[in-house]
Amino acid sequence: MSPVDLVIAVPAALLSAASFGLTGAMQHRVARAIPTAESRRFGLLFALVRHPFWLLSLLVNLVGVVGQWVALSTAPLVLVQPLLVSGVLFAIVFAAALQHQRPDRTVIYGGVLCVVGLAAFLLLAQPSGGGETMALHDVLPLSLGLLAILVLCLIGGVRGNPTVRTLAYATAAGVFYGVTAGLIKVAMDTLQDGLVVFLTSWPIYAVAICGPLGFVLNQHAFQAGVALAPALSVIVILDPLVGIGVGILWLGEGLRSGPAIVTGEVLALAAMAVGVAILARRAPQVVREAHEAHQVAESQ
């Protein structure tokens, strides 16, 4: 990679991360404004598309997609992906700005732990190798574990308290996004054999199901969560991790090994877990405190 490629890739990846962060902040703001009863009656997406601010977020997201494409076309995935996860920090800043308040320092620390932990894990793991196809009969047994996770998440999303609902829906969304990423890789590989093979292979239709389901669950996570940071962090973390898991279990990819690398990966995962725990505990509290202060100011 030449210095010119680096000059193009890094700003493009950061622009993409900022766009994705702003998208999350905008969509969270709109989703929180929709009553739960209304979303259950007509469907959350039908309620969201009536809001111009939410529709504008789709254009912002498109900017992020273009930036990601530019970055990936000029730099390797191992460089671009860790930069993209900084979208969590951008989201925290943008969410605070939309609330007309300064970002909480503890929330920033939690976001940094998530971003640094995930970036370190991706840099250390560097999955590689593996096949380019997977048979449906090989996927079905391995899908049972993911299905069990999704069922538990949906139960928690329906019956849990707001924090549990947020993390449950976010976990389900992250799983769907990660599986979709793996399926897209397989579907695009079949395109090399021709359009007919592409359209008659099952992965592209699985993408058409998993992708929209992940998006809907993402919006439900935003609606359930008082604060944006916990939901978005879980989604951003699980998306690549589940994608890596799909590559290992379904495509036969491998991770870098060795005592030092494995130790670093474990520490990175621990940092992510601590970061999510901080955000899940502190971020909603900050939002409630700001709301209560605003109510007191209005009453005076």
C-alpha atoms as a PDB file:
ATOM      1  CA  MET A   1       0.000   0.000   0.000  1.00  0.00           C
ATOM      2  CA  SER A   2       1.436   3.328  -1.095  1.00  0.00           C
ATOM      3  CA  PRO A   3       1.416   6.535   1.000  1.00  0.00           C
ATOM      4  CA  VAL A   4      -1.150   7.960  -1.439  1.00  0.00           C
ATOM      5  CA  ASP A   5      -3.492   5.034  -0.731  1.00  0.00           C
ATOM      6  CA  LEU A   6      -3.059   5.620   2.990  1.00  0.00           C
ATOM      7  CA  VAL A   7      -3.886   9.316   2.626  1.00  0.00           C
ATOM      8  CA  ILE A   8      -7.113   8.344   0.854  1.00  0.00           C
ATOM      9  CA  ALA A   9      -8.080   5.339   2.988  1.00  0.00           C
ATOM     10  CA  VAL A  10      -7.725   6.780   6.490  1.00  0.00           C
ATOM     11  CA  PRO A  11      -9.855   9.924   5.950  1.00  0.00           C
ATOM     12  CA  ALA A  12     -12.417   7.865   4.027  1.00  0.00           C
ATOM     13  CA  ALA A  13     -12.651   5.308   6.848  1.00  0.00           C
ATOM     14  CA  LEU A  14     -12.970   8.039   9.490  1.00  0.00           C
ATOM     15  CA  LEU A  15     -15.617   9.820   7.402  1.00  0.00           C
ATOM     16  CA  SER A  16     -17.467   6.529   7.144  1.00  0.00           C
ATOM     17  CA  ALA A  17     -17.219   5.963  10.907  1.00  0.00           C
ATOM     18  CA  ALA A  18     -18.473   9.485  11.619  1.00  0.00           C
ATOM     19  CA  SER A  19     -21.366   9.018   9.188  1.00  0.00           C
ATOM     20  CA  PHE A  20     -22.354   5.710  10.756  1.00  0.00           C
ATOM     21  CA  GLY A  21     -22.118   7.299  14.212  1.00  0.00           C
ATOM     22  CA  LEU A  22     -24.334  10.215  13.180  1.00  0.00           C
ATOM     23  CA  THR A  23     -26.770   7.780  11.567  1.00  0.00           C
ATOM     24  CA  GLY A  24     -27.085   5.886  14.836  1.00  0.00           C
ATOM     25  CA  ALA A  25     -27.604   9.086  16.837  1.00  0.00           C
ATOM     26  CA  MET A  26     -30.288  10.333  14.440  1.00  0.00           C
ATOM     27  CA  GLN A  27     -32.152   7.030  14.263  1.00  0.00           C
ATOM     28  CA  HIS A  28     -32.019   6.593  18.030  1.00  0.00           C
ATOM     29  CA  ARG A  29     -33.498  10.049  18.545  1.00  0.00           C
ATOM     30  CA  VAL A  30     -36.437   9.323  16.247  1.00  0.00           C
ATOM     31  CA  ALA A  31     -37.017   5.775  17.521  1.00  0.00           C
ATOM     32  CA  ARG A  32     -37.162   6.994  21.126  1.00  0.00           C
ATOM     33  CA  ALA A  33     -39.866   9.496  20.164  1.00  0.00           C
ATOM     34  CA  ILE A  34     -42.197   6.778  18.866  1.00  0.00           C
ATOM     35  CA  PRO A  35     -44.575   5.343  21.501  1.00  0.00           C
ATOM     36  CA  THR A  36     -44.211   1.612  22.060  1.00  0.00           C
ATOM     37  CA  ALA A  37     -47.924   1.072  21.526  1.00  0.00           C
ATOM     38  CA  GLU A  38     -47.794   2.772  18.128  1.00  0.00           C
ATOM     39  CA  SER A  39     -44.829   0.705  16.989  1.00  0.00           C
ATOM     40  CA  ARG A  40     -46.557  -2.517  17.996  1.00  0.00           C
ATOM     41  CA  ARG A  41     -49.782  -1.611  16.266  1.00  0.00           C
ATOM     42  CA  PHE A  42     -48.485  -0.471  12.887  1.00  0.00           C
ATOM     43  CA  GLY A  43     -44.924  -1.697  12.948  1.00  0.00           C
ATOM     44  CA  LEU A  44     -41.919   0.334  13.987  1.00  0.00           C
ATOM     45  CA  LEU A  45     -40.606   0.844  10.458  1.00  0.00           C
ATOM     46  CA  PHE A  46     -43.924   2.235   9.254  1.00  0.00           C
ATOM     47  CA  ALA A  47     -43.780   4.745  12.083  1.00  0.00           C
ATOM     48  CA  LEU A  48     -40.148   5.638  11.375  1.00  0.00           C
ATOM     49  CA  VAL A  49     -40.544   6.342   7.658  1.00  0.00           C
ATOM     50  CA  ARG A  50     -43.030   9.111   8.451  1.00  0.00           C
ATOM     51  CA  HIS A  51     -40.243  11.128  10.105  1.00  0.00           C
ATOM     52  CA  PRO A  52     -38.116  13.249   7.702  1.00  0.00           C
ATOM     53  CA  PHE A  53     -35.252  13.231  10.231  1.00  0.00           C
ATOM     54  CA  TRP A  54     -35.119   9.424  10.102  1.00  0.00           C
ATOM     55  CA  LEU A  55     -35.214   9.455   6.294  1.00  0.00           C
ATOM     56  CA  LEU A  56     -32.350  11.964   6.352  1.00  0.00           C
ATOM     57  CA  SER A  57     -30.376   9.483   8.456  1.00  0.00           C
ATOM     58  CA  LEU A  58     -30.531   7.033   5.543  1.00  0.00           C
ATOM     59  CA  LEU A  59     -28.746   9.572   3.338  1.00  0.00           C
ATOM     60  CA  VAL A  60     -26.119  10.066   6.040  1.00  0.00           C
ATOM     61  CA  ASN A  61     -25.721   6.291   6.182  1.00  0.00           C
ATOM     62  CA  LEU A  62     -25.221   6.253   2.404  1.00  0.00           C
ATOM     63  CA  VAL A  63     -22.285   8.644   2.840  1.00  0.00           C
ATOM     64  CA  GLY A  64     -20.829   6.139   5.300  1.00  0.00           C
ATOM     65  CA  VAL A  65     -21.255   3.267   2.853  1.00  0.00           C
ATOM     66  CA  VAL A  66     -19.480   5.232   0.098  1.00  0.00           C
ATOM     67  CA  GLY A  67     -16.652   6.160   2.460  1.00  0.00           C
ATOM     68  CA  GLN A  68     -16.300   2.528   3.520  1.00  0.00           C
ATOM     69  CA  TRP A  69     -16.160   1.401  -0.113  1.00  0.00           C
ATOM     70  CA  VAL A  70     -13.466   3.988  -0.926  1.00  0.00           C
ATOM     71  CA  ALA A  71     -11.434   2.973   2.118  1.00  0.00           C
ATOM     72  CA  LEU A  72     -11.672  -0.754   1.378  1.00  0.00           C
ATOM     73  CA  SER A  73     -10.785  -0.214  -2.277  1.00  0.00           C
ATOM     74  CA  THR A  74      -7.532   1.525  -1.347  1.00  0.00           C
ATOM     75  CA  ALA A  75      -6.462  -0.244   1.881  1.00  0.00           C
ATOM     76  CA  PRO A  76      -6.648  -3.744   3.380  1.00  0.00           C
ATOM     77  CA  LEU A  77      -9.531  -4.775   5.619  1.00  0.00           C
ATOM     78  CA  VAL A  78      -7.207  -5.152   8.618  1.00  0.00           C
ATOM     79  CA  LEU A  79      -6.533  -1.407   8.505  1.00  0.00           C
ATOM     80  CA  VAL A  80     -10.000  -0.152   7.609  1.00  0.00           C
ATOM     81  CA  GLN A  81     -12.135  -2.220   9.983  1.00  0.00           C
ATOM     82  CA  PRO A  82     -10.480  -1.042  13.224  1.00  0.00           C
ATOM     83  CA  LEU A  83     -10.940   2.570  12.067  1.00  0.00           C
ATOM     84  CA  LEU A  84     -14.622   1.965  11.333  1.00  0.00           C
ATOM     85  CA  VAL A  85     -15.371   0.871  14.901  1.00  0.00           C
ATOM     86  CA  SER A  86     -14.553   4.403  16.048  1.00  0.00           C
ATOM     87  CA  GLY A  87     -18.105   5.109  14.924  1.00  0.00           C
ATOM     88  CA  VAL A  88     -19.139   4.284  18.497  1.00  0.00           C
ATOM     89  CA  LEU A  89     -17.249   7.319  19.803  1.00  0.00           C
ATOM     90  CA  PHE A  90     -18.644   9.540  17.049  1.00  0.00           C
ATOM     91  CA  ALA A  91     -22.141   8.329  17.955  1.00  0.00           C
ATOM     92  CA  ILE A  92     -21.658   9.217  21.626  1.00  0.00           C
ATOM     93  CA  VAL A  93     -20.544  12.739  20.698  1.00  0.00           C
ATOM     94  CA  PHE A  94     -23.328  13.265  18.150  1.00  0.00           C
ATOM     95  CA  ALA A  95     -25.991  11.880  20.506  1.00  0.00           C
ATOM     96  CA  ALA A  96     -24.883  14.299  23.215  1.00  0.00           C
ATOM     97  CA  ALA A  97     -24.923  17.182  20.714  1.00  0.00           C
ATOM     98  CA  LEU A  98     -28.480  16.345  19.647  1.00  0.00           C
ATOM     99  CA  GLN A  99     -29.444  16.409  23.340  1.00  0.00           C
ATOM    100  CA  HIS A 100     -27.692  19.799  23.720  1.00  0.00           C
ATOM    101  CA  GLN A 101     -25.364  18.460  26.400  1.00  0.00           C
ATOM    102  CA  ARG A 102     -21.692  17.598  26.780  1.00  0.00           C
ATOM    103  CA  PRO A 103     -20.640  13.937  26.514  1.00  0.00           C
ATOM    104  CA  ASP A 104     -20.276  12.284  29.900  1.00  0.00           C
ATOM    105  CA  ARG A 105     -16.657  11.424  30.694  1.00  0.00           C
ATOM    106  CA  THR A 106     -17.490   7.951  32.021  1.00  0.00           C
ATOM    107  CA  VAL A 107     -19.509   7.160  28.893  1.00  0.00           C
ATOM    108  CA  ILE A 108     -16.544   8.248  26.756  1.00  0.00           C
ATOM    109  CA  TYR A 109     -14.275   5.922  28.755  1.00  0.00           C
ATOM    110  CA  GLY A 110     -16.673   3.024  28.193  1.00  0.00           C
ATOM    111  CA  GLY A 111     -16.819   3.782  24.478  1.00  0.00           C
ATOM    112  CA  VAL A 112     -13.040   3.946  24.247  1.00  0.00           C
ATOM    113  CA  LEU A 113     -12.745   0.528  25.900  1.00  0.00           C
ATOM    114  CA  CYS A 114     -15.179  -0.931  23.371  1.00  0.00           C
ATOM    115  CA  VAL A 115     -13.421   0.627  20.389  1.00  0.00           C
ATOM    116  CA  VAL A 116      -9.869  -0.140  21.505  1.00  0.00           C
ATOM    117  CA  GLY A 117     -10.810  -3.682  22.550  1.00  0.00           C
ATOM    118  CA  LEU A 118     -12.505  -4.489  19.247  1.00  0.00           C
ATOM    119  CA  ALA A 119      -9.814  -2.826  17.139  1.00  0.00           C
ATOM    120  CA  ALA A 120      -7.097  -4.734  19.018  1.00  0.00           C
ATOM    121  CA  PHE A 121      -8.937  -8.031  18.591  1.00  0.00           C
ATOM    122  CA  LEU A 122      -9.362  -7.485  14.843  1.00  0.00           C
ATOM    123  CA  LEU A 123      -5.702  -6.536  14.420  1.00  0.00           C
ATOM    124  CA  LEU A 124      -4.583  -9.606  16.378  1.00  0.00           C
ATOM    125  CA  ALA A 125      -7.015 -12.169  14.952  1.00  0.00           C
ATOM    126  CA  GLN A 126      -6.763 -11.418  11.207  1.00  0.00           C
ATOM    127  CA  PRO A 127      -8.902 -14.348   9.986  1.00  0.00           C
ATOM    128  CA  SER A 128      -7.658 -15.842   6.720  1.00  0.00           C
ATOM    129  CA  GLY A 129      -7.920 -18.835   4.453  1.00  0.00           C
ATOM    130  CA  GLY A 130     -10.956 -21.073   4.278  1.00  0.00           C
ATOM    131  CA  GLY A 131     -13.267 -22.103   1.480  1.00  0.00           C
ATOM    132  CA  GLU A 132     -15.547 -19.918  -0.572  1.00  0.00           C
ATOM    133  CA  THR A 133     -18.683 -22.054  -0.471  1.00  0.00           C
ATOM    134  CA  MET A 134     -20.768 -23.780   2.137  1.00  0.00           C
ATOM    135  CA  ALA A 135     -23.520 -26.332   1.681  1.00  0.00           C
ATOM    136  CA  LEU A 136     -26.904 -25.748   3.272  1.00  0.00           C
ATOM    137  CA  HIS A 137     -26.779 -29.081   5.128  1.00  0.00           C
ATOM    138  CA  ASP A 138     -23.502 -27.997   6.757  1.00  0.00           C
ATOM    139  CA  VAL A 139     -24.944 -24.679   7.884  1.00  0.00           C
ATOM    140  CA  LEU A 140     -28.155 -25.931   9.474  1.00  0.00           C
ATOM    141  CA  PRO A 141     -26.588 -27.753  12.489  1.00  0.00           C
ATOM    142  CA  LEU A 142     -24.316 -24.816  13.248  1.00  0.00           C
ATOM    143  CA  SER A 143     -27.271 -22.449  13.002  1.00  0.00           C
ATOM    144  CA  LEU A 144     -28.996 -24.014  16.008  1.00  0.00           C
ATOM    145  CA  GLY A 145     -26.694 -22.244  18.488  1.00  0.00           C
ATOM    146  CA  LEU A 146     -27.350 -18.871  16.872  1.00  0.00           C
ATOM    147  CA  LEU A 147     -31.065 -19.610  16.769  1.00  0.00           C
ATOM    148  CA  ALA A 148     -31.062 -20.358  20.506  1.00  0.00           C
ATOM    149  CA  ILE A 149     -29.292 -17.049  21.183  1.00  0.00           C
ATOM    150  CA  LEU A 150     -31.819 -15.173  19.060  1.00  0.00           C
ATOM    151  CA  VAL A 151     -34.782 -16.803  20.820  1.00  0.00           C
ATOM    152  CA  LEU A 152     -33.390 -15.835  24.225  1.00  0.00           C
ATOM    153  CA  CYS A 153     -32.755 -12.295  22.972  1.00  0.00           C
ATOM    154  CA  LEU A 154     -36.301 -11.929  21.666  1.00  0.00           C
ATOM    155  CA  ILE A 155     -37.720 -13.198  24.961  1.00  0.00           C
ATOM    156  CA  GLY A 156     -35.576 -10.673  26.818  1.00  0.00           C
ATOM    157  CA  GLY A 157     -36.632  -7.973  24.368  1.00  0.00           C
ATOM    158  CA  VAL A 158     -40.306  -8.597  25.038  1.00  0.00           C
ATOM    159  CA  ARG A 159     -40.288  -9.303  28.774  1.00  0.00           C
ATOM    160  CA  GLY A 160     -37.191  -7.582  30.184  1.00  0.00           C
ATOM    161  CA  ASN A 161     -36.728  -4.157  31.722  1.00  0.00           C
ATOM    162  CA  PRO A 162     -35.532  -1.316  29.445  1.00  0.00           C
ATOM    163  CA  THR A 163     -31.842  -2.149  29.911  1.00  0.00           C
ATOM    164  CA  VAL A 164     -32.379  -5.861  29.247  1.00  0.00           C
ATOM    165  CA  ARG A 165     -34.601  -5.085  26.263  1.00  0.00           C
ATOM    166  CA  THR A 166     -31.973  -2.764  24.790  1.00  0.00           C
ATOM    167  CA  LEU A 167     -29.123  -5.247  25.119  1.00  0.00           C
ATOM    168  CA  ALA A 168     -31.296  -8.167  23.988  1.00  0.00           C
ATOM    169  CA  TYR A 169     -32.463  -6.476  20.795  1.00  0.00           C
ATOM    170  CA  ALA A 170     -28.947  -5.151  20.141  1.00  0.00           C
ATOM    171  CA  THR A 171     -27.463  -8.629  20.568  1.00  0.00           C
ATOM    172  CA  ALA A 172     -29.990 -10.103  18.143  1.00  0.00           C
ATOM    173  CA  ALA A 173     -29.292  -7.314  15.633  1.00  0.00           C
ATOM    174  CA  GLY A 174     -25.530  -7.812  15.933  1.00  0.00           C
ATOM    175  CA  VAL A 175     -25.919 -11.552  15.357  1.00  0.00           C
ATOM    176  CA  PHE A 176     -28.053 -10.996  12.260  1.00  0.00           C
ATOM    177  CA  TYR A 177     -25.617  -8.412  10.889  1.00  0.00           C
ATOM    178  CA  GLY A 178     -22.653 -10.743  11.443  1.00  0.00           C
ATOM    179  CA  VAL A 179     -24.397 -13.694   9.787  1.00  0.00           C
ATOM    180  CA  THR A 180     -25.438 -11.438   6.908  1.00  0.00           C
ATOM    181  CA  ALA A 181     -21.823 -10.383   6.372  1.00  0.00           C
ATOM    182  CA  GLY A 182     -20.736 -14.021   6.102  1.00  0.00           C
ATOM    183  CA  LEU A 183     -23.599 -14.842   3.753  1.00  0.00           C
ATOM    184  CA  ILE A 184     -22.782 -11.859   1.533  1.00  0.00           C
ATOM    185  CA  LYS A 185     -19.228 -13.156   1.156  1.00  0.00           C
ATOM    186  CA  VAL A 186     -20.520 -16.549   0.034  1.00  0.00           C
ATOM    187  CA  ALA A 187     -23.181 -15.029  -2.244  1.00  0.00           C
ATOM    188  CA  MET A 188     -20.653 -12.758  -3.974  1.00  0.00           C
ATOM    189  CA  ASP A 189     -18.344 -15.733  -4.511  1.00  0.00           C
ATOM    190  CA  THR A 190     -21.140 -17.549  -6.380  1.00  0.00           C
ATOM    191  CA  LEU A 191     -21.463 -14.510  -8.671  1.00  0.00           C
ATOM    192  CA  GLN A 192     -18.096 -15.456 -10.169  1.00  0.00           C
ATOM    193  CA  ASP A 193     -19.805 -18.541 -11.625  1.00  0.00           C
ATOM    194  CA  GLY A 194     -22.410 -16.436 -13.404  1.00  0.00           C
ATOM    195  CA  LEU A 195     -25.646 -14.619 -12.712  1.00  0.00           C
ATOM    196  CA  VAL A 196     -27.754 -17.770 -13.010  1.00  0.00           C
ATOM    197  CA  VAL A 197     -25.752 -19.553 -10.321  1.00  0.00           C
ATOM    198  CA  PHE A 198     -25.920 -16.420  -8.150  1.00  0.00           C
ATOM    199  CA  LEU A 199     -29.708 -16.196  -8.392  1.00  0.00           C
ATOM    200  CA  THR A 200     -30.306 -19.922  -7.905  1.00  0.00           C
ATOM    201  CA  SER A 201     -28.042 -20.281  -4.844  1.00  0.00           C
ATOM    202  CA  TRP A 202     -29.561 -20.088  -1.374  1.00  0.00           C
ATOM    203  CA  PRO A 203     -27.151 -17.591   0.308  1.00  0.00           C
ATOM    204  CA  ILE A 204     -28.486 -14.513  -1.532  1.00  0.00           C
ATOM    205  CA  TYR A 205     -32.009 -15.276  -0.331  1.00  0.00           C
ATOM    206  CA  ALA A 206     -30.771 -15.813   3.200  1.00  0.00           C
ATOM    207  CA  VAL A 207     -29.144 -12.362   2.975  1.00  0.00           C
ATOM    208  CA  ALA A 208     -32.501 -10.910   1.867  1.00  0.00           C
ATOM    209  CA  ILE A 209     -34.040 -12.292   5.075  1.00  0.00           C
ATOM    210  CA  CYS A 210     -31.278 -11.788   7.649  1.00  0.00           C
ATOM    211  CA  GLY A 211     -30.305  -8.256   6.594  1.00  0.00           C
ATOM    212  CA  PRO A 212     -33.758  -6.660   6.985  1.00  0.00           C
ATOM    213  CA  LEU A 213     -34.411  -8.571  10.210  1.00  0.00           C
ATOM    214  CA  GLY A 214     -31.175  -7.214  11.659  1.00  0.00           C
ATOM    215  CA  PHE A 215     -32.162  -3.688  10.625  1.00  0.00           C
ATOM    216  CA  VAL A 216     -35.597  -3.975  12.257  1.00  0.00           C
ATOM    217  CA  LEU A 217     -34.096  -5.342  15.485  1.00  0.00           C
ATOM    218  CA  ASN A 218     -31.534  -2.518  15.381  1.00  0.00           C
ATOM    219  CA  GLN A 219     -34.357   0.047  15.373  1.00  0.00           C
ATOM    220  CA  HIS A 220     -36.128  -1.772  18.213  1.00  0.00           C
ATOM    221  CA  ALA A 221     -32.898  -1.644  20.226  1.00  0.00           C
ATOM    222  CA  PHE A 222     -32.721   2.113  19.638  1.00  0.00           C
ATOM    223  CA  GLN A 223     -36.340   2.530  20.697  1.00  0.00           C
ATOM    224  CA  ALA A 224     -35.939   0.472  23.868  1.00  0.00           C
ATOM    225  CA  GLY A 225     -32.715   2.149  24.989  1.00  0.00           C
ATOM    226  CA  VAL A 226     -32.817   5.428  26.878  1.00  0.00           C
ATOM    227  CA  ALA A 227     -29.200   5.958  25.762  1.00  0.00           C
ATOM    228  CA  LEU A 228     -27.690   5.184  22.369  1.00  0.00           C
ATOM    229  CA  ALA A 229     -24.226   4.032  23.428  1.00  0.00           C
ATOM    230  CA  PRO A 230     -25.022   0.600  24.973  1.00  0.00           C
ATOM    231  CA  ALA A 231     -27.118  -0.608  22.031  1.00  0.00           C
ATOM    232  CA  LEU A 232     -24.769   0.676  19.352  1.00  0.00           C
ATOM    233  CA  SER A 233     -21.676  -0.700  21.095  1.00  0.00           C
ATOM    234  CA  VAL A 234     -23.151  -4.196  21.331  1.00  0.00           C
ATOM    235  CA  ILE A 235     -24.153  -4.119  17.657  1.00  0.00           C
ATOM    236  CA  VAL A 236     -20.797  -2.767  16.468  1.00  0.00           C
ATOM    237  CA  ILE A 237     -18.914  -5.375  18.513  1.00  0.00           C
ATOM    238  CA  LEU A 238     -21.026  -8.406  17.609  1.00  0.00           C
ATOM    239  CA  ASP A 239     -21.216  -7.649  13.889  1.00  0.00           C
ATOM    240  CA  PRO A 240     -17.531  -8.412  13.124  1.00  0.00           C
ATOM    241  CA  LEU A 241     -17.172 -11.017  15.883  1.00  0.00           C
ATOM    242  CA  VAL A 242     -20.108 -13.076  14.605  1.00  0.00           C
ATOM    243  CA  GLY A 243     -18.826 -12.543  11.075  1.00  0.00           C
ATOM    244  CA  ILE A 244     -15.474 -13.987  12.152  1.00  0.00           C
ATOM    245  CA  GLY A 245     -17.304 -16.875  13.821  1.00  0.00           C
ATOM    246  CA  VAL A 246     -19.195 -17.582  10.607  1.00  0.00           C
ATOM    247  CA  GLY A 247     -15.910 -17.596   8.711  1.00  0.00           C
ATOM    248  CA  ILE A 248     -14.359 -20.068  11.153  1.00  0.00           C
ATOM    249  CA  LEU A 249     -17.312 -22.428  11.587  1.00  0.00           C
ATOM    250  CA  TRP A 250     -18.862 -22.280   8.126  1.00  0.00           C
ATOM    251  CA  LEU A 251     -16.014 -21.352   5.779  1.00  0.00           C
ATOM    252  CA  GLY A 252     -13.074 -22.990   7.525  1.00  0.00           C
ATOM    253  CA  GLU A 253     -11.156 -19.759   8.076  1.00  0.00           C
ATOM    254  CA  GLY A 254      -8.467 -19.588  10.742  1.00  0.00           C
ATOM    255  CA  LEU A 255      -7.204 -17.021  13.232  1.00  0.00           C
ATOM    256  CA  ARG A 256      -3.633 -16.148  14.061  1.00  0.00           C
ATOM    257  CA  SER A 257      -2.428 -18.221  16.986  1.00  0.00           C
ATOM    258  CA  GLY A 258       0.355 -18.270  19.522  1.00  0.00           C
ATOM    259  CA  PRO A 259       0.441 -17.629  23.286  1.00  0.00           C
ATOM    260  CA  ALA A 260       1.031 -13.899  22.996  1.00  0.00           C
ATOM    261  CA  ILE A 261      -1.651 -13.397  20.330  1.00  0.00           C
ATOM    262  CA  VAL A 262      -4.260 -15.492  22.164  1.00  0.00           C
ATOM    263  CA  THR A 263      -3.520 -13.639  25.404  1.00  0.00           C
ATOM    264  CA  GLY A 264      -3.963 -10.335  23.587  1.00  0.00           C
ATOM    265  CA  GLU A 265      -7.241 -11.494  22.078  1.00  0.00           C
ATOM    266  CA  VAL A 266      -8.587 -12.528  25.493  1.00  0.00           C
ATOM    267  CA  LEU A 267      -7.585  -9.166  26.982  1.00  0.00           C
ATOM    268  CA  ALA A 268      -9.222  -7.367  24.051  1.00  0.00           C
ATOM    269  CA  LEU A 269     -12.462  -9.284  24.585  1.00  0.00           C
ATOM    270  CA  ALA A 270     -12.309  -8.473  28.300  1.00  0.00           C
ATOM    271  CA  ALA A 271     -11.871  -4.767  27.509  1.00  0.00           C
ATOM    272  CA  MET A 272     -14.933  -4.887  25.261  1.00  0.00           C
ATOM    273  CA  ALA A 273     -16.985  -6.595  27.979  1.00  0.00           C
ATOM    274  CA  VAL A 274     -15.974  -4.001  30.561  1.00  0.00           C
ATOM    275  CA  GLY A 275     -16.746  -1.183  28.115  1.00  0.00           C
ATOM    276  CA  VAL A 276     -20.247  -2.500  27.418  1.00  0.00           C
ATOM    277  CA  ALA A 277     -20.872  -2.969  31.161  1.00  0.00           C
ATOM    278  CA  ILE A 278     -19.874   0.652  31.817  1.00  0.00           C
ATOM    279  CA  LEU A 279     -22.100   1.938  29.038  1.00  0.00           C
ATOM    280  CA  ALA A 280     -25.051  -0.213  30.083  1.00  0.00           C
ATOM    281  CA  ARG A 281     -24.833   1.142  33.631  1.00  0.00           C
ATOM    282  CA  ARG A 282     -23.765   4.747  33.145  1.00  0.00           C
ATOM    283  CA  ALA A 283     -25.186   5.948  29.806  1.00  0.00           C
ATOM    284  CA  PRO A 284     -28.906   5.574  30.687  1.00  0.00           C
ATOM    285  CA  GLN A 285     -28.264   7.238  34.053  1.00  0.00           C
ATOM    286  CA  VAL A 286     -26.684  10.245  32.324  1.00  0.00           C
ATOM    287  CA  VAL A 287     -29.688  10.635  30.021  1.00  0.00           C
ATOM    288  CA  ARG A 288     -32.134  10.448  32.926  1.00  0.00           C
ATOM    289  CA  GLU A 289     -30.160  12.989  34.941  1.00  0.00           C
ATOM    290  CA  ALA A 290     -30.135  15.389  31.981  1.00  0.00           C
ATOM    291  CA  HIS A 291     -33.878  14.906  31.480  1.00  0.00           C
ATOM    292  CA  GLU A 292     -34.619  15.539  35.147  1.00  0.00           C
ATOM    293  CA  ALA A 293     -32.444  18.662  35.133  1.00  0.00           C
ATOM    294  CA  HIS A 294     -34.271  19.930  32.064  1.00  0.00           C
ATOM    295  CA  GLN A 295     -37.648  19.381  33.737  1.00  0.00           C
ATOM    296  CA  VAL A 296     -36.507  21.253  36.845  1.00  0.00           C
ATOM    297  CA  ALA A 297     -35.269  24.158  34.705  1.00  0.00           C
ATOM    298  CA  GLU A 298     -38.606  24.360  32.868  1.00  0.00           C
ATOM    299  CA  SER A 299     -40.581  24.353  36.128  1.00  0.00           C
ATOM    300  CA  GLN A 300     -38.677  27.334  37.503  1.00  0.00           C
END
